[in-house]
């Protein structure tokens, strides 16, 4: 069983995530590559929200193939290209994550492999 770690001596998390998670060492570990906001038909929506949904839906498919779900995700790393994209990205992220919330890192980057991409997301999941 996962247990969240949020010491009172550390500032409360800025959003819906935990500072740390402790979990059993036995199980299967899944690490994904970064998922981008591109559909299987090669289309890329313009909005950050739509691209983030595509990222999380791709992760959902990978989790499902591994016989896992977002309840098994222990770490999320998100990358956006603009500071104003934090809130829309986090709103999408929060629709997918489950309690106890995974640890999370969110960075602003100068860009991705193609200029149309606005967000990339990768996760680590553990099924014990």
N, C-alpha and C. Protein backbone atom coordinates (compact mmCIF):
# COMPACT_ATOMS: atom_id res chain seq x y z
N UNK A 1 0.84 -1.18 0.00
CA UNK A 1 0.00 0.00 0.00
C UNK A 1 0.88 1.24 0.00
N UNK A 2 0.56 2.20 -0.86
CA UNK A 2 1.31 3.46 -0.90
C UNK A 2 0.94 4.32 0.29
N UNK A 3 1.93 5.06 0.78
CA UNK A 3 1.69 5.99 1.88
C UNK A 3 2.32 7.33 1.51
N UNK A 4 1.56 8.40 1.61
CA UNK A 4 2.07 9.72 1.25
C UNK A 4 2.91 10.30 2.37
N UNK A 5 3.89 11.12 1.97
CA UNK A 5 4.80 11.78 2.91
C UNK A 5 4.77 13.28 2.64
N UNK A 6 4.26 14.04 3.60
CA UNK A 6 4.20 15.49 3.52
C UNK A 6 4.56 16.05 4.89
N UNK A 7 5.87 16.08 5.22
CA UNK A 7 6.28 16.53 6.56
C UNK A 7 5.79 17.94 6.85
N UNK A 8 5.42 18.17 8.08
CA UNK A 8 4.95 19.50 8.50
C UNK A 8 6.06 20.54 8.42
N UNK A 9 7.32 20.10 8.37
CA UNK A 9 8.44 21.02 8.28
C UNK A 9 8.75 21.44 6.84
N UNK A 10 7.98 20.92 5.89
CA UNK A 10 8.14 21.26 4.47
C UNK A 10 6.87 21.95 4.01
N UNK A 11 7.01 23.00 3.20
CA UNK A 11 5.84 23.72 2.71
C UNK A 11 4.85 22.76 2.07
N UNK A 12 3.59 22.97 2.31
CA UNK A 12 2.51 22.17 1.73
C UNK A 12 2.65 22.16 0.20
N UNK A 13 2.36 21.04 -0.47
CA UNK A 13 2.43 21.01 -1.94
C UNK A 13 1.58 22.11 -2.57
N UNK A 14 2.04 22.63 -3.69
CA UNK A 14 1.33 23.68 -4.41
C UNK A 14 0.02 23.19 -5.03
N UNK A 15 -0.08 21.91 -5.29
CA UNK A 15 -1.26 21.37 -5.96
C UNK A 15 -1.60 19.99 -5.43
N UNK A 16 -2.28 19.23 -6.26
CA UNK A 16 -2.74 17.89 -5.88
C UNK A 16 -1.67 16.86 -6.19
N UNK A 17 -0.66 16.83 -5.32
CA UNK A 17 0.40 15.84 -5.39
C UNK A 17 0.98 15.72 -3.99
N UNK A 18 1.87 14.77 -3.79
CA UNK A 18 2.54 14.59 -2.51
C UNK A 18 4.02 14.85 -2.68
N UNK A 19 4.69 15.26 -1.57
CA UNK A 19 6.14 15.46 -1.63
C UNK A 19 6.87 14.13 -1.77
N UNK A 20 6.34 13.10 -1.18
CA UNK A 20 6.97 11.79 -1.26
C UNK A 20 5.93 10.70 -1.15
N UNK A 21 6.29 9.55 -1.65
CA UNK A 21 5.47 8.34 -1.49
C UNK A 21 6.38 7.22 -1.05
N UNK A 22 5.89 6.44 -0.14
CA UNK A 22 6.61 5.22 0.24
C UNK A 22 5.73 4.05 -0.16
N UNK A 23 6.36 3.04 -0.75
CA UNK A 23 5.58 1.91 -1.25
C UNK A 23 6.38 0.64 -1.13
N UNK A 24 5.70 -0.50 -1.22
CA UNK A 24 6.41 -1.77 -1.12
C UNK A 24 7.40 -1.91 -2.28
N UNK A 25 8.50 -2.60 -2.01
CA UNK A 25 9.53 -2.76 -3.03
C UNK A 25 9.21 -3.87 -4.03
N UNK A 26 8.31 -4.75 -3.69
CA UNK A 26 7.99 -5.86 -4.60
C UNK A 26 6.90 -5.43 -5.57
N UNK A 27 7.01 -5.88 -6.79
CA UNK A 27 5.98 -5.59 -7.76
C UNK A 27 6.58 -5.37 -9.14
N UNK A 28 5.77 -4.79 -10.00
CA UNK A 28 6.21 -4.50 -11.35
C UNK A 28 6.30 -2.98 -11.52
N UNK A 29 7.42 -2.53 -12.05
CA UNK A 29 7.66 -1.11 -12.25
C UNK A 29 7.48 -0.77 -13.73
N UNK A 30 6.69 0.24 -14.00
CA UNK A 30 6.47 0.72 -15.36
C UNK A 30 7.00 2.14 -15.46
N UNK A 31 7.84 2.39 -16.44
CA UNK A 31 8.35 3.73 -16.71
C UNK A 31 7.99 4.05 -18.15
N UNK A 32 7.31 5.18 -18.36
CA UNK A 32 6.91 5.53 -19.73
C UNK A 32 7.87 6.55 -20.31
N UNK A 33 7.92 6.57 -21.61
CA UNK A 33 8.56 7.67 -22.33
C UNK A 33 7.64 8.87 -22.23
N UNK A 34 8.16 10.04 -22.53
CA UNK A 34 7.33 11.23 -22.56
C UNK A 34 6.29 11.11 -23.66
N UNK A 35 5.05 11.41 -23.33
CA UNK A 35 3.95 11.36 -24.29
C UNK A 35 3.62 12.78 -24.72
N UNK A 36 3.44 12.96 -26.01
CA UNK A 36 3.17 14.28 -26.58
C UNK A 36 1.72 14.39 -27.03
N UNK A 37 1.27 15.59 -27.26
CA UNK A 37 -0.12 15.86 -27.64
C UNK A 37 -0.40 15.65 -29.11
N UNK A 38 -0.11 14.46 -29.60
CA UNK A 38 -0.35 14.12 -31.01
C UNK A 38 -1.21 12.87 -31.07
N UNK A 39 -2.25 12.93 -31.90
CA UNK A 39 -3.18 11.80 -32.05
C UNK A 39 -2.60 10.75 -32.99
N UNK A 40 -3.13 9.53 -32.95
CA UNK A 40 -2.67 8.49 -33.87
C UNK A 40 -2.76 8.89 -35.35
N UNK A 41 -3.70 9.79 -35.69
CA UNK A 41 -3.83 10.22 -37.10
C UNK A 41 -2.89 11.38 -37.42
N UNK A 42 -1.94 11.65 -36.52
CA UNK A 42 -0.91 12.69 -36.69
C UNK A 42 -1.41 14.12 -36.48
N UNK A 43 -2.66 14.32 -36.08
CA UNK A 43 -3.14 15.68 -35.84
C UNK A 43 -2.72 16.14 -34.45
N UNK A 44 -2.48 17.44 -34.35
CA UNK A 44 -2.04 18.05 -33.10
C UNK A 44 -2.95 19.23 -32.82
N UNK A 45 -3.76 19.16 -31.77
CA UNK A 45 -4.63 20.29 -31.45
C UNK A 45 -3.81 21.49 -30.98
N UNK A 46 -4.40 22.66 -31.07
CA UNK A 46 -3.68 23.87 -30.68
C UNK A 46 -3.69 24.11 -29.18
N UNK A 47 -4.76 23.71 -28.48
CA UNK A 47 -4.88 24.08 -27.06
C UNK A 47 -4.04 23.17 -26.16
N UNK A 48 -3.53 23.78 -25.11
CA UNK A 48 -2.76 23.03 -24.11
C UNK A 48 -3.63 21.97 -23.45
N UNK A 49 -4.91 22.29 -23.18
CA UNK A 49 -5.80 21.31 -22.54
C UNK A 49 -5.97 20.08 -23.42
N UNK A 50 -6.24 20.30 -24.71
CA UNK A 50 -6.44 19.17 -25.61
C UNK A 50 -5.18 18.33 -25.76
N UNK A 51 -4.03 18.99 -25.84
CA UNK A 51 -2.78 18.24 -25.93
C UNK A 51 -2.52 17.46 -24.64
N UNK A 52 -2.80 18.05 -23.49
CA UNK A 52 -2.60 17.35 -22.22
C UNK A 52 -3.51 16.12 -22.12
N UNK A 53 -4.75 16.25 -22.56
CA UNK A 53 -5.66 15.10 -22.55
C UNK A 53 -5.10 13.99 -23.42
N UNK A 54 -4.59 14.32 -24.59
CA UNK A 54 -3.99 13.30 -25.46
C UNK A 54 -2.83 12.61 -24.74
N UNK A 55 -1.98 13.38 -24.06
CA UNK A 55 -0.86 12.81 -23.30
C UNK A 55 -1.37 11.82 -22.26
N UNK A 56 -2.35 12.25 -21.47
CA UNK A 56 -2.84 11.39 -20.40
C UNK A 56 -3.64 10.19 -20.93
N UNK A 57 -4.32 10.35 -22.05
CA UNK A 57 -5.01 9.21 -22.65
C UNK A 57 -4.00 8.19 -23.19
N UNK A 58 -2.89 8.67 -23.74
CA UNK A 58 -1.83 7.76 -24.20
C UNK A 58 -1.25 7.00 -23.01
N UNK A 59 -1.02 7.71 -21.91
CA UNK A 59 -0.52 7.06 -20.70
C UNK A 59 -1.53 6.05 -20.18
N UNK A 60 -2.82 6.39 -20.22
CA UNK A 60 -3.87 5.45 -19.80
C UNK A 60 -3.80 4.17 -20.62
N UNK A 61 -3.57 4.30 -21.92
CA UNK A 61 -3.48 3.12 -22.79
C UNK A 61 -2.26 2.27 -22.44
N UNK A 62 -1.14 2.93 -22.14
CA UNK A 62 0.07 2.20 -21.76
C UNK A 62 -0.16 1.49 -20.43
N UNK A 63 -0.76 2.20 -19.47
CA UNK A 63 -1.07 1.58 -18.18
C UNK A 63 -1.98 0.37 -18.36
N UNK A 64 -3.01 0.53 -19.18
CA UNK A 64 -3.95 -0.57 -19.40
C UNK A 64 -3.25 -1.79 -20.00
N UNK A 65 -2.37 -1.54 -20.96
CA UNK A 65 -1.64 -2.65 -21.56
C UNK A 65 -0.77 -3.37 -20.54
N UNK A 66 -0.30 -2.62 -19.54
CA UNK A 66 0.51 -3.20 -18.46
C UNK A 66 -0.36 -3.76 -17.33
N UNK A 67 -1.68 -3.75 -17.53
CA UNK A 67 -2.64 -4.18 -16.52
C UNK A 67 -2.52 -3.34 -15.26
N UNK A 68 -2.38 -2.03 -15.48
CA UNK A 68 -2.29 -1.05 -14.40
C UNK A 68 -3.31 0.05 -14.67
N UNK A 69 -3.40 0.99 -13.71
CA UNK A 69 -4.27 2.15 -13.87
C UNK A 69 -3.56 3.35 -13.25
N UNK A 70 -4.23 4.50 -13.30
CA UNK A 70 -3.66 5.69 -12.68
C UNK A 70 -3.51 5.54 -11.17
N UNK A 71 -4.22 4.59 -10.57
CA UNK A 71 -4.04 4.31 -9.14
C UNK A 71 -2.65 3.76 -8.85
N UNK A 72 -1.97 3.22 -9.87
CA UNK A 72 -0.63 2.67 -9.70
C UNK A 72 0.47 3.69 -9.97
N UNK A 73 0.13 4.87 -10.46
CA UNK A 73 1.14 5.88 -10.80
C UNK A 73 1.71 6.47 -9.52
N UNK A 74 3.04 6.48 -9.43
CA UNK A 74 3.71 7.02 -8.25
C UNK A 74 4.45 8.32 -8.54
N UNK A 75 4.74 8.60 -9.83
CA UNK A 75 5.47 9.81 -10.18
C UNK A 75 5.02 10.31 -11.55
N UNK A 76 4.83 11.62 -11.64
CA UNK A 76 4.51 12.27 -12.91
C UNK A 76 5.53 13.37 -13.15
N UNK A 77 6.03 13.44 -14.35
CA UNK A 77 6.87 14.57 -14.76
C UNK A 77 6.17 15.23 -15.95
N UNK A 78 5.86 16.50 -15.80
CA UNK A 78 5.20 17.26 -16.86
C UNK A 78 6.10 18.38 -17.33
N UNK A 79 6.02 18.67 -18.61
CA UNK A 79 6.84 19.71 -19.21
C UNK A 79 5.93 20.56 -20.09
N UNK A 80 5.94 21.86 -19.89
CA UNK A 80 5.15 22.78 -20.70
C UNK A 80 6.07 23.87 -21.23
N UNK A 81 5.62 24.58 -22.25
CA UNK A 81 6.47 25.60 -22.86
C UNK A 81 6.19 27.02 -22.37
N UNK A 82 5.10 27.19 -21.61
CA UNK A 82 4.76 28.54 -21.13
C UNK A 82 4.25 28.48 -19.69
N UNK A 83 4.64 29.45 -18.91
CA UNK A 83 4.19 29.51 -17.51
C UNK A 83 2.67 29.54 -17.42
N UNK A 84 1.99 30.24 -18.33
CA UNK A 84 0.53 30.32 -18.27
C UNK A 84 -0.15 28.99 -18.56
N UNK A 85 0.61 27.99 -18.98
CA UNK A 85 0.04 26.67 -19.22
C UNK A 85 0.02 25.78 -17.97
N UNK A 86 0.62 26.26 -16.87
CA UNK A 86 0.63 25.47 -15.63
C UNK A 86 -0.78 25.07 -15.22
N UNK A 87 -1.66 26.05 -15.04
CA UNK A 87 -3.01 25.78 -14.52
C UNK A 87 -3.82 24.85 -15.42
N UNK A 88 -3.86 25.09 -16.75
CA UNK A 88 -4.62 24.16 -17.59
C UNK A 88 -4.03 22.74 -17.57
N UNK A 89 -2.70 22.64 -17.56
CA UNK A 89 -2.08 21.32 -17.49
C UNK A 89 -2.46 20.63 -16.18
N UNK A 90 -2.33 21.34 -15.06
CA UNK A 90 -2.62 20.73 -13.75
C UNK A 90 -4.08 20.33 -13.62
N UNK A 91 -4.98 21.08 -14.23
CA UNK A 91 -6.41 20.71 -14.19
C UNK A 91 -6.63 19.37 -14.89
N UNK A 92 -5.96 19.17 -16.03
CA UNK A 92 -6.08 17.88 -16.73
C UNK A 92 -5.42 16.78 -15.90
N UNK A 93 -4.21 17.04 -15.41
CA UNK A 93 -3.50 16.05 -14.59
C UNK A 93 -4.37 15.60 -13.42
N UNK A 94 -5.02 16.55 -12.76
CA UNK A 94 -5.81 16.22 -11.57
C UNK A 94 -7.04 15.38 -11.89
N UNK A 95 -7.53 15.44 -13.13
CA UNK A 95 -8.66 14.59 -13.52
C UNK A 95 -8.26 13.12 -13.62
N UNK A 96 -6.98 12.87 -13.85
CA UNK A 96 -6.51 11.50 -14.06
C UNK A 96 -5.90 10.86 -12.82
N UNK A 97 -5.27 11.64 -11.95
CA UNK A 97 -4.57 11.05 -10.82
C UNK A 97 -5.54 10.58 -9.74
N UNK A 98 -5.08 9.67 -8.91
CA UNK A 98 -5.89 9.07 -7.85
C UNK A 98 -5.16 9.19 -6.52
N UNK A 99 -5.92 9.07 -5.43
CA UNK A 99 -5.33 9.11 -4.08
C UNK A 99 -4.67 7.78 -3.77
N UNK A 100 -3.57 7.78 -3.03
CA UNK A 100 -2.81 8.96 -2.70
C UNK A 100 -2.14 9.52 -3.95
N UNK A 101 -2.17 10.83 -4.08
CA UNK A 101 -1.65 11.47 -5.28
C UNK A 101 -0.17 11.15 -5.47
N UNK A 102 0.26 10.99 -6.72
CA UNK A 102 1.68 10.72 -6.98
C UNK A 102 2.52 11.96 -6.70
N UNK A 103 3.82 11.76 -6.62
CA UNK A 103 4.72 12.90 -6.59
C UNK A 103 4.72 13.49 -7.99
N UNK A 104 5.05 14.77 -8.09
CA UNK A 104 4.91 15.44 -9.39
C UNK A 104 5.97 16.52 -9.56
N UNK A 105 6.51 16.59 -10.76
CA UNK A 105 7.42 17.66 -11.15
C UNK A 105 6.85 18.30 -12.39
N UNK A 106 6.87 19.63 -12.44
CA UNK A 106 6.38 20.37 -13.60
C UNK A 106 7.42 21.42 -13.96
N UNK A 107 7.90 21.36 -15.19
CA UNK A 107 8.95 22.26 -15.66
C UNK A 107 8.51 23.05 -16.88
N UNK A 108 9.06 24.25 -17.01
CA UNK A 108 8.91 25.02 -18.24
C UNK A 108 10.16 24.73 -19.07
N UNK A 109 9.93 24.35 -20.32
CA UNK A 109 11.04 24.06 -21.24
C UNK A 109 10.94 24.99 -22.44
N UNK A 110 12.04 25.13 -23.16
CA UNK A 110 12.04 26.06 -24.29
C UNK A 110 11.35 25.50 -25.52
N UNK A 111 11.12 24.20 -25.56
CA UNK A 111 10.42 23.62 -26.69
C UNK A 111 10.62 22.13 -26.77
N UNK A 112 9.94 21.54 -27.75
CA UNK A 112 10.00 20.10 -27.98
C UNK A 112 10.50 19.84 -29.40
N UNK A 113 10.40 18.60 -29.86
CA UNK A 113 10.93 18.23 -31.17
C UNK A 113 10.24 18.92 -32.33
N UNK A 114 8.98 19.32 -32.12
CA UNK A 114 8.25 20.08 -33.12
C UNK A 114 7.63 21.29 -32.43
N UNK A 115 7.60 22.43 -33.10
CA UNK A 115 7.11 23.65 -32.44
C UNK A 115 5.64 23.61 -32.05
N UNK A 116 4.85 22.72 -32.65
CA UNK A 116 3.42 22.63 -32.32
C UNK A 116 3.16 22.03 -30.95
N UNK A 117 4.12 21.25 -30.45
CA UNK A 117 3.93 20.59 -29.16
C UNK A 117 4.05 21.60 -28.03
N UNK A 118 3.10 21.50 -27.07
CA UNK A 118 3.07 22.44 -25.94
C UNK A 118 3.25 21.74 -24.60
N UNK A 119 3.13 20.41 -24.58
CA UNK A 119 3.20 19.67 -23.32
C UNK A 119 3.72 18.26 -23.59
N UNK A 120 4.45 17.75 -22.62
CA UNK A 120 4.90 16.36 -22.64
C UNK A 120 4.78 15.82 -21.22
N UNK A 121 4.37 14.56 -21.10
CA UNK A 121 4.14 13.96 -19.79
C UNK A 121 4.71 12.55 -19.78
N UNK A 122 5.39 12.22 -18.68
CA UNK A 122 5.87 10.85 -18.47
C UNK A 122 5.50 10.43 -17.05
N UNK A 123 5.32 9.14 -16.85
CA UNK A 123 4.96 8.64 -15.53
C UNK A 123 5.80 7.42 -15.16
N UNK A 124 5.84 7.17 -13.87
CA UNK A 124 6.36 5.94 -13.31
C UNK A 124 5.23 5.32 -12.50
N UNK A 125 5.00 4.04 -12.69
CA UNK A 125 3.93 3.34 -11.98
C UNK A 125 4.48 2.08 -11.36
N UNK A 126 3.90 1.70 -10.23
CA UNK A 126 4.29 0.48 -9.55
C UNK A 126 3.06 -0.29 -9.16
N UNK A 127 3.01 -1.54 -9.61
CA UNK A 127 1.93 -2.43 -9.18
C UNK A 127 2.54 -3.43 -8.21
N UNK A 128 2.08 -3.38 -6.98
CA UNK A 128 2.66 -4.28 -5.96
C UNK A 128 1.76 -5.47 -5.74
